[in-house]
PDB file of N, CA and C in Angstrom:
ATOM      1  N   UNK A   1       0.841  -1.184   0.000  1.00  0.00           N
ATOM      2  CA  UNK A   1       0.000   0.000   0.000  1.00  0.00           C
ATOM      3  C   UNK A   1       0.886   1.248   0.000  1.00  0.00           C
ATOM      4  N   UNK A   2       0.330   2.314  -0.504  1.00  0.00           N
ATOM      5  CA  UNK A   2       0.999   3.619  -0.521  1.00  0.00           C
ATOM      6  C   UNK A   2       0.071   4.608   0.161  1.00  0.00           C
ATOM      7  N   UNK A   3       0.660   5.458   0.976  1.00  0.00           N
ATOM      8  CA  UNK A   3      -0.123   6.344   1.830  1.00  0.00           C
ATOM      9  C   UNK A   3       0.188   7.813   1.564  1.00  0.00           C
ATOM     10  N   UNK A   4      -0.856   8.611   1.523  1.00  0.00           N
ATOM     11  CA  UNK A   4      -0.730  10.066   1.565  1.00  0.00           C
ATOM     12  C   UNK A   4      -1.168  10.440   2.974  1.00  0.00           C
ATOM     13  N   UNK A   5      -0.340  11.205   3.665  1.00  0.00           N
ATOM     14  CA  UNK A   5      -0.606  11.478   5.080  1.00  0.00           C
ATOM     15  C   UNK A   5      -0.477  12.961   5.394  1.00  0.00           C
ATOM     16  N   UNK A   6      -1.156  13.360   6.445  1.00  0.00           N
ATOM     17  CA  UNK A   6      -1.092  14.724   6.957  1.00  0.00           C
ATOM     18  C   UNK A   6      -0.640  14.640   8.409  1.00  0.00           C
ATOM     19  N   UNK A   7       0.417  15.381   8.722  1.00  0.00           N
ATOM     20  CA  UNK A   7       0.864  15.476  10.105  1.00  0.00           C
ATOM     21  C   UNK A   7       0.765  16.931  10.549  1.00  0.00           C
ATOM     22  N   UNK A   8       0.587  17.110  11.857  1.00  0.00           N
ATOM     23  CA  UNK A   8       0.487  18.451  12.443  1.00  0.00           C
ATOM     24  C   UNK A   8       1.509  18.544  13.573  1.00  0.00           C
ATOM     25  N   UNK A   9       2.192  19.668  13.615  1.00  0.00           N
ATOM     26  CA  UNK A   9       3.169  19.892  14.667  1.00  0.00           C
ATOM     27  C   UNK A   9       2.457  20.078  15.998  1.00  0.00           C
ATOM     28  N   UNK A  10       2.921  19.374  17.017  1.00  0.00           N
ATOM     29  CA  UNK A  10       2.346  19.545  18.350  1.00  0.00           C
ATOM     30  C   UNK A  10       2.881  20.803  19.023  1.00  0.00           C
ATOM     31  N   UNK A  11       4.087  21.223  18.664  1.00  0.00           N
ATOM     32  CA  UNK A  11       4.672  22.420  19.274  1.00  0.00           C
ATOM     33  C   UNK A  11       4.274  23.706  18.536  1.00  0.00           C
ATOM     34  N   UNK A  12       3.919  23.593  17.255  1.00  0.00           N
ATOM     35  CA  UNK A  12       3.470  24.724  16.429  1.00  0.00           C
ATOM     36  C   UNK A  12       2.244  24.265  15.640  1.00  0.00           C
ATOM     37  N   UNK A  13       1.073  24.203  16.269  1.00  0.00           N
ATOM     38  CA  UNK A  13      -0.116  23.603  15.656  1.00  0.00           C
ATOM     39  C   UNK A  13      -0.543  24.192  14.307  1.00  0.00           C
ATOM     40  N   UNK A  14      -0.068  25.374  13.965  1.00  0.00           N
ATOM     41  CA  UNK A  14      -0.431  25.927  12.663  1.00  0.00           C
ATOM     42  C   UNK A  14       0.405  25.308  11.539  1.00  0.00           C
ATOM     43  N   UNK A  15       1.431  24.547  11.892  1.00  0.00           N
ATOM     44  CA  UNK A  15       2.298  23.914  10.901  1.00  0.00           C
ATOM     45  C   UNK A  15       1.790  22.512  10.570  1.00  0.00           C
ATOM     46  N   UNK A  16       1.562  22.273   9.282  1.00  0.00           N
ATOM     47  CA  UNK A  16       1.158  20.952   8.818  1.00  0.00           C
ATOM     48  C   UNK A  16       2.088  20.530   7.688  1.00  0.00           C
ATOM     49  N   UNK A  17       2.084  19.247   7.406  1.00  0.00           N
ATOM     50  CA  UNK A  17       2.912  18.704   6.339  1.00  0.00           C
ATOM     51  C   UNK A  17       2.155  17.548   5.701  1.00  0.00           C
ATOM     52  N   UNK A  18       2.169  17.488   4.380  1.00  0.00           N
ATOM     53  CA  UNK A  18       1.548  16.397   3.634  1.00  0.00           C
ATOM     54  C   UNK A  18       2.661  15.621   2.958  1.00  0.00           C
ATOM     55  N   UNK A  19       2.607  14.300   3.080  1.00  0.00           N
ATOM     56  CA  UNK A  19       3.647  13.470   2.496  1.00  0.00           C
ATOM     57  C   UNK A  19       3.095  12.198   1.887  1.00  0.00           C
ATOM     58  N   UNK A  20       4.004  11.447   1.274  1.00  0.00           N
ATOM     59  CA  UNK A  20       3.677  10.213   0.572  1.00  0.00           C
ATOM     60  C   UNK A  20       4.700   9.162   0.981  1.00  0.00           C
ATOM     61  N   UNK A  21       4.246   7.962   1.325  1.00  0.00           N
ATOM     62  CA  UNK A  21       5.161   6.898   1.748  1.00  0.00           C
ATOM     63  C   UNK A  21       4.519   5.535   1.562  1.00  0.00           C
ATOM     64  N   UNK A  22       5.348   4.508   1.555  1.00  0.00           N
ATOM     65  CA  UNK A  22       4.825   3.138   1.558  1.00  0.00           C
ATOM     66  C   UNK A  22       4.980   2.502   2.938  1.00  0.00           C
ATOM     67  N   UNK A  23       5.657   3.198   3.856  1.00  0.00           N
ATOM     68  CA  UNK A  23       5.836   2.702   5.224  1.00  0.00           C
ATOM     69  C   UNK A  23       5.503   3.836   6.192  1.00  0.00           C
ATOM     70  N   UNK A  24       4.247   3.948   6.508  1.00  0.00           N
ATOM     71  CA  UNK A  24       3.744   5.089   7.272  1.00  0.00           C
ATOM     72  C   UNK A  24       4.358   5.179   8.668  1.00  0.00           C
ATOM     73  N   UNK A  25       4.424   4.087   9.376  1.00  0.00           N
ATOM     74  CA  UNK A  25       4.945   4.095  10.747  1.00  0.00           C
ATOM     75  C   UNK A  25       6.399   4.582  10.789  1.00  0.00           C
ATOM     76  N   UNK A  26       7.228   4.056   9.893  1.00  0.00           N
ATOM     77  CA  UNK A  26       8.643   4.450   9.846  1.00  0.00           C
ATOM     78  C   UNK A  26       8.790   5.905   9.430  1.00  0.00           C
ATOM     79  N   UNK A  27       7.968   6.354   8.499  1.00  0.00           N
ATOM     80  CA  UNK A  27       8.064   7.729   8.012  1.00  0.00           C
ATOM     81  C   UNK A  27       7.723   8.731   9.111  1.00  0.00           C
ATOM     82  N   UNK A  28       6.688   8.470   9.884  1.00  0.00           N
ATOM     83  CA  UNK A  28       6.324   9.373  10.981  1.00  0.00           C
ATOM     84  C   UNK A  28       7.446   9.400  12.014  1.00  0.00           C
ATOM     85  N   UNK A  29       8.013   8.249  12.279  1.00  0.00           N
ATOM     86  CA  UNK A  29       9.137   8.172  13.212  1.00  0.00           C
ATOM     87  C   UNK A  29      10.309   9.022  12.717  1.00  0.00           C
ATOM     88  N   UNK A  30      10.594   8.968  11.415  1.00  0.00           N
ATOM     89  CA  UNK A  30      11.679   9.781  10.839  1.00  0.00           C
ATOM     90  C   UNK A  30      11.398  11.274  11.016  1.00  0.00           C
ATOM     91  N   UNK A  31      10.162  11.680  10.793  1.00  0.00           N
ATOM     92  CA  UNK A  31       9.808  13.091  11.001  1.00  0.00           C
ATOM     93  C   UNK A  31      10.086  13.489  12.450  1.00  0.00           C
ATOM     94  N   UNK A  32       9.718  12.644  13.384  1.00  0.00           N
ATOM     95  CA  UNK A  32       9.890  12.966  14.801  1.00  0.00           C
ATOM     96  C   UNK A  32      11.329  12.864  15.277  1.00  0.00           C
ATOM     97  N   UNK A  33      12.174  12.169  14.534  1.00  0.00           N
ATOM     98  CA  UNK A  33      13.602  12.083  14.853  1.00  0.00           C
ATOM     99  C   UNK A  33      14.399  13.219  14.211  1.00  0.00           C
ATOM    100  N   UNK A  34      13.746  14.027  13.363  1.00  0.00           N
ATOM    101  CA  UNK A  34      14.440  15.109  12.677  1.00  0.00           C
ATOM    102  C   UNK A  34      15.059  14.680  11.364  1.00  0.00           C
ATOM    103  N   UNK A  35      14.625  13.550  10.828  1.00  0.00           N
ATOM    104  CA  UNK A  35      15.198  13.001   9.603  1.00  0.00           C
ATOM    105  C   UNK A  35      14.766  13.681   8.320  1.00  0.00           C
ATOM    106  N   UNK A  36      13.881  14.642   8.402  1.00  0.00           N
ATOM    107  CA  UNK A  36      13.439  15.388   7.226  1.00  0.00           C
ATOM    108  C   UNK A  36      13.719  16.869   7.446  1.00  0.00           C
ATOM    109  N   UNK A  37      14.507  17.487   6.564  1.00  0.00           N
ATOM    110  CA  UNK A  37      14.829  18.903   6.758  1.00  0.00           C
ATOM    111  C   UNK A  37      13.593  19.818   6.748  1.00  0.00           C
ATOM    112  N   UNK A  38      12.533  19.406   6.066  1.00  0.00           N
ATOM    113  CA  UNK A  38      11.330  20.236   5.985  1.00  0.00           C
ATOM    114  C   UNK A  38      10.537  20.252   7.282  1.00  0.00           C
ATOM    115  N   UNK A  39      10.698  19.226   8.102  1.00  0.00           N
ATOM    116  CA  UNK A  39       9.870  19.117   9.306  1.00  0.00           C
ATOM    117  C   UNK A  39      10.670  19.110  10.606  1.00  0.00           C
ATOM    118  N   UNK A  40      11.977  19.104  10.527  1.00  0.00           N
ATOM    119  CA  UNK A  40      12.820  18.942  11.722  1.00  0.00           C
ATOM    120  C   UNK A  40      12.598  20.030  12.772  1.00  0.00           C
ATOM    121  N   UNK A  41      12.396  21.258  12.358  1.00  0.00           N
ATOM    122  CA  UNK A  41      12.330  22.344  13.345  1.00  0.00           C
ATOM    123  C   UNK A  41      10.989  22.467  14.065  1.00  0.00           C
ATOM    124  N   UNK A  42       9.989  21.725  13.633  1.00  0.00           N
ATOM    125  CA  UNK A  42       8.668  21.832  14.261  1.00  0.00           C
ATOM    126  C   UNK A  42       8.255  20.550  14.977  1.00  0.00           C
ATOM    127  N   UNK A  43       9.224  19.754  15.381  1.00  0.00           N
ATOM    128  CA  UNK A  43       8.933  18.504  16.091  1.00  0.00           C
ATOM    129  C   UNK A  43       8.349  18.791  17.468  1.00  0.00           C
ATOM    130  N   UNK A  44       7.587  17.893  18.029  1.00  0.00           N
ATOM    131  CA  UNK A  44       7.140  16.601  17.521  1.00  0.00           C
ATOM    132  C   UNK A  44       5.908  16.734  16.623  1.00  0.00           C
ATOM    133  N   UNK A  45       5.697  15.711  15.816  1.00  0.00           N
ATOM    134  CA  UNK A  45       4.591  15.659  14.867  1.00  0.00           C
ATOM    135  C   UNK A  45       3.598  14.589  15.276  1.00  0.00           C
ATOM    136  N   UNK A  46       2.333  14.844  14.951  1.00  0.00           N
ATOM    137  CA  UNK A  46       1.270  13.880  15.229  1.00  0.00           C
ATOM    138  C   UNK A  46       0.529  13.602  13.929  1.00  0.00           C
ATOM    139  N   UNK A  47       0.335  12.352  13.640  1.00  0.00           N
ATOM    140  CA  UNK A  47      -0.421  11.948  12.455  1.00  0.00           C
ATOM    141  C   UNK A  47      -1.885  12.322  12.660  1.00  0.00           C
ATOM    142  N   UNK A  48      -2.448  13.065  11.707  1.00  0.00           N
ATOM    143  CA  UNK A  48      -3.855  13.449  11.831  1.00  0.00           C
ATOM    144  C   UNK A  48      -4.745  12.731  10.823  1.00  0.00           C
ATOM    145  N   UNK A  49      -4.218  12.464   9.620  1.00  0.00           N
ATOM    146  CA  UNK A  49      -5.021  11.840   8.572  1.00  0.00           C
ATOM    147  C   UNK A  49      -4.116  11.044   7.646  1.00  0.00           C
ATOM    148  N   UNK A  50      -4.613   9.924   7.158  1.00  0.00           N
ATOM    149  CA  UNK A  50      -3.909   9.231   6.085  1.00  0.00           C
ATOM    150  C   UNK A  50      -4.914   8.513   5.208  1.00  0.00           C
ATOM    151  N   UNK A  51      -4.545   8.367   3.944  1.00  0.00           N
ATOM    152  CA  UNK A  51      -5.355   7.647   2.968  1.00  0.00           C
ATOM    153  C   UNK A  51      -4.468   6.608   2.312  1.00  0.00           C
ATOM    154  N   UNK A  52      -4.990   5.416   2.105  1.00  0.00           N
ATOM    155  CA  UNK A  52      -4.235   4.318   1.508  1.00  0.00           C
ATOM    156  C   UNK A  52      -4.645   4.135   0.049  1.00  0.00           C
ATOM    157  N   UNK A  53      -3.656   3.873  -0.798  1.00  0.00           N
ATOM    158  CA  UNK A  53      -3.883   3.647  -2.223  1.00  0.00           C
ATOM    159  C   UNK A  53      -3.194   2.350  -2.640  1.00  0.00           C
ATOM    160  N   UNK A  54      -3.759   1.677  -3.615  1.00  0.00           N
ATOM    161  CA  UNK A  54      -3.155   0.438  -4.111  1.00  0.00           C
ATOM    162  C   UNK A  54      -1.895   0.680  -4.917  1.00  0.00           C
ATOM    163  N   UNK A  55      -1.817   1.793  -5.601  1.00  0.00           N
ATOM    164  CA  UNK A  55      -0.643   2.049  -6.435  1.00  0.00           C
ATOM    165  C   UNK A  55       0.023   3.362  -6.044  1.00  0.00           C
ATOM    166  N   UNK A  56       1.327   3.400  -6.272  1.00  0.00           N
ATOM    167  CA  UNK A  56       2.083   4.620  -5.983  1.00  0.00           C
ATOM    168  C   UNK A  56       1.611   5.762  -6.872  1.00  0.00           C
ATOM    169  N   UNK A  57       1.267   5.440  -8.118  1.00  0.00           N
ATOM    170  CA  UNK A  57       0.811   6.482  -9.046  1.00  0.00           C
ATOM    171  C   UNK A  57      -0.467   7.152  -8.533  1.00  0.00           C
ATOM    172  N   UNK A  58      -1.410   6.366  -8.045  1.00  0.00           N
ATOM    173  CA  UNK A  58      -2.640   6.935  -7.484  1.00  0.00           C
ATOM    174  C   UNK A  58      -2.325   7.833  -6.295  1.00  0.00           C
ATOM    175  N   UNK A  59      -1.445   7.364  -5.426  1.00  0.00           N
ATOM    176  CA  UNK A  59      -1.086   8.144  -4.248  1.00  0.00           C
ATOM    177  C   UNK A  59      -0.379   9.431  -4.653  1.00  0.00           C
ATOM    178  N   UNK A  60       0.520   9.348  -5.605  1.00  0.00           N
ATOM    179  CA  UNK A  60       1.259  10.535  -6.055  1.00  0.00           C
ATOM    180  C   UNK A  60       0.314  11.544  -6.716  1.00  0.00           C
ATOM    181  N   UNK A  61      -0.640  11.062  -7.463  1.00  0.00           N
ATOM    182  CA  UNK A  61      -1.613  11.967  -8.084  1.00  0.00           C
ATOM    183  C   UNK A  61      -2.448  12.686  -7.026  1.00  0.00           C
ATOM    184  N   UNK A  62      -2.853  11.969  -5.992  1.00  0.00           N
ATOM    185  CA  UNK A  62      -3.625  12.596  -4.932  1.00  0.00           C
ATOM    186  C   UNK A  62      -2.778  13.580  -4.143  1.00  0.00           C
ATOM    187  N   UNK A  63      -1.530  13.219  -3.866  1.00  0.00           N
ATOM    188  CA  UNK A  63      -0.605  14.118  -3.172  1.00  0.00           C
ATOM    189  C   UNK A  63      -0.429  15.412  -3.976  1.00  0.00           C
ATOM    190  N   UNK A  64      -0.261  15.291  -5.273  1.00  0.00           N
ATOM    191  CA  UNK A  64      -0.110  16.476  -6.131  1.00  0.00           C
ATOM    192  C   UNK A  64      -1.392  17.320  -6.119  1.00  0.00           C
ATOM    193  N   UNK A  65      -2.536  16.673  -6.073  1.00  0.00           N
ATOM    194  CA  UNK A  65      -3.817  17.368  -6.024  1.00  0.00           C
ATOM    195  C   UNK A  65      -3.913  18.221  -4.743  1.00  0.00           C
ATOM    196  N   UNK A  66      -3.466  17.645  -3.634  1.00  0.00           N
ATOM    197  CA  UNK A  66      -3.534  18.386  -2.366  1.00  0.00           C
ATOM    198  C   UNK A  66      -2.570  19.550  -2.376  1.00  0.00           C
TER     199      UNK A  66
END
C-alpha cells in the first residue's frame, strides 16, 4: 500500500505537512527524529489523517492534487 498522510506539529499547531510513503509508521518516526529537513524544526509531529492507495501512481496523483 501507498499512503498520503497529513501530520500536524504539536509544538506549532499551525504547521502541517503532507507526504507520501509506503511505510507510514517508519516515516512518521523519521519526522519525529528530525530526519526530514522540511519538518525537523517543528517537532514533535502527530499523524492526523492518512489515505491508503493500491498504487504509488494513485497516491502521487492525490498528493499532487492536495
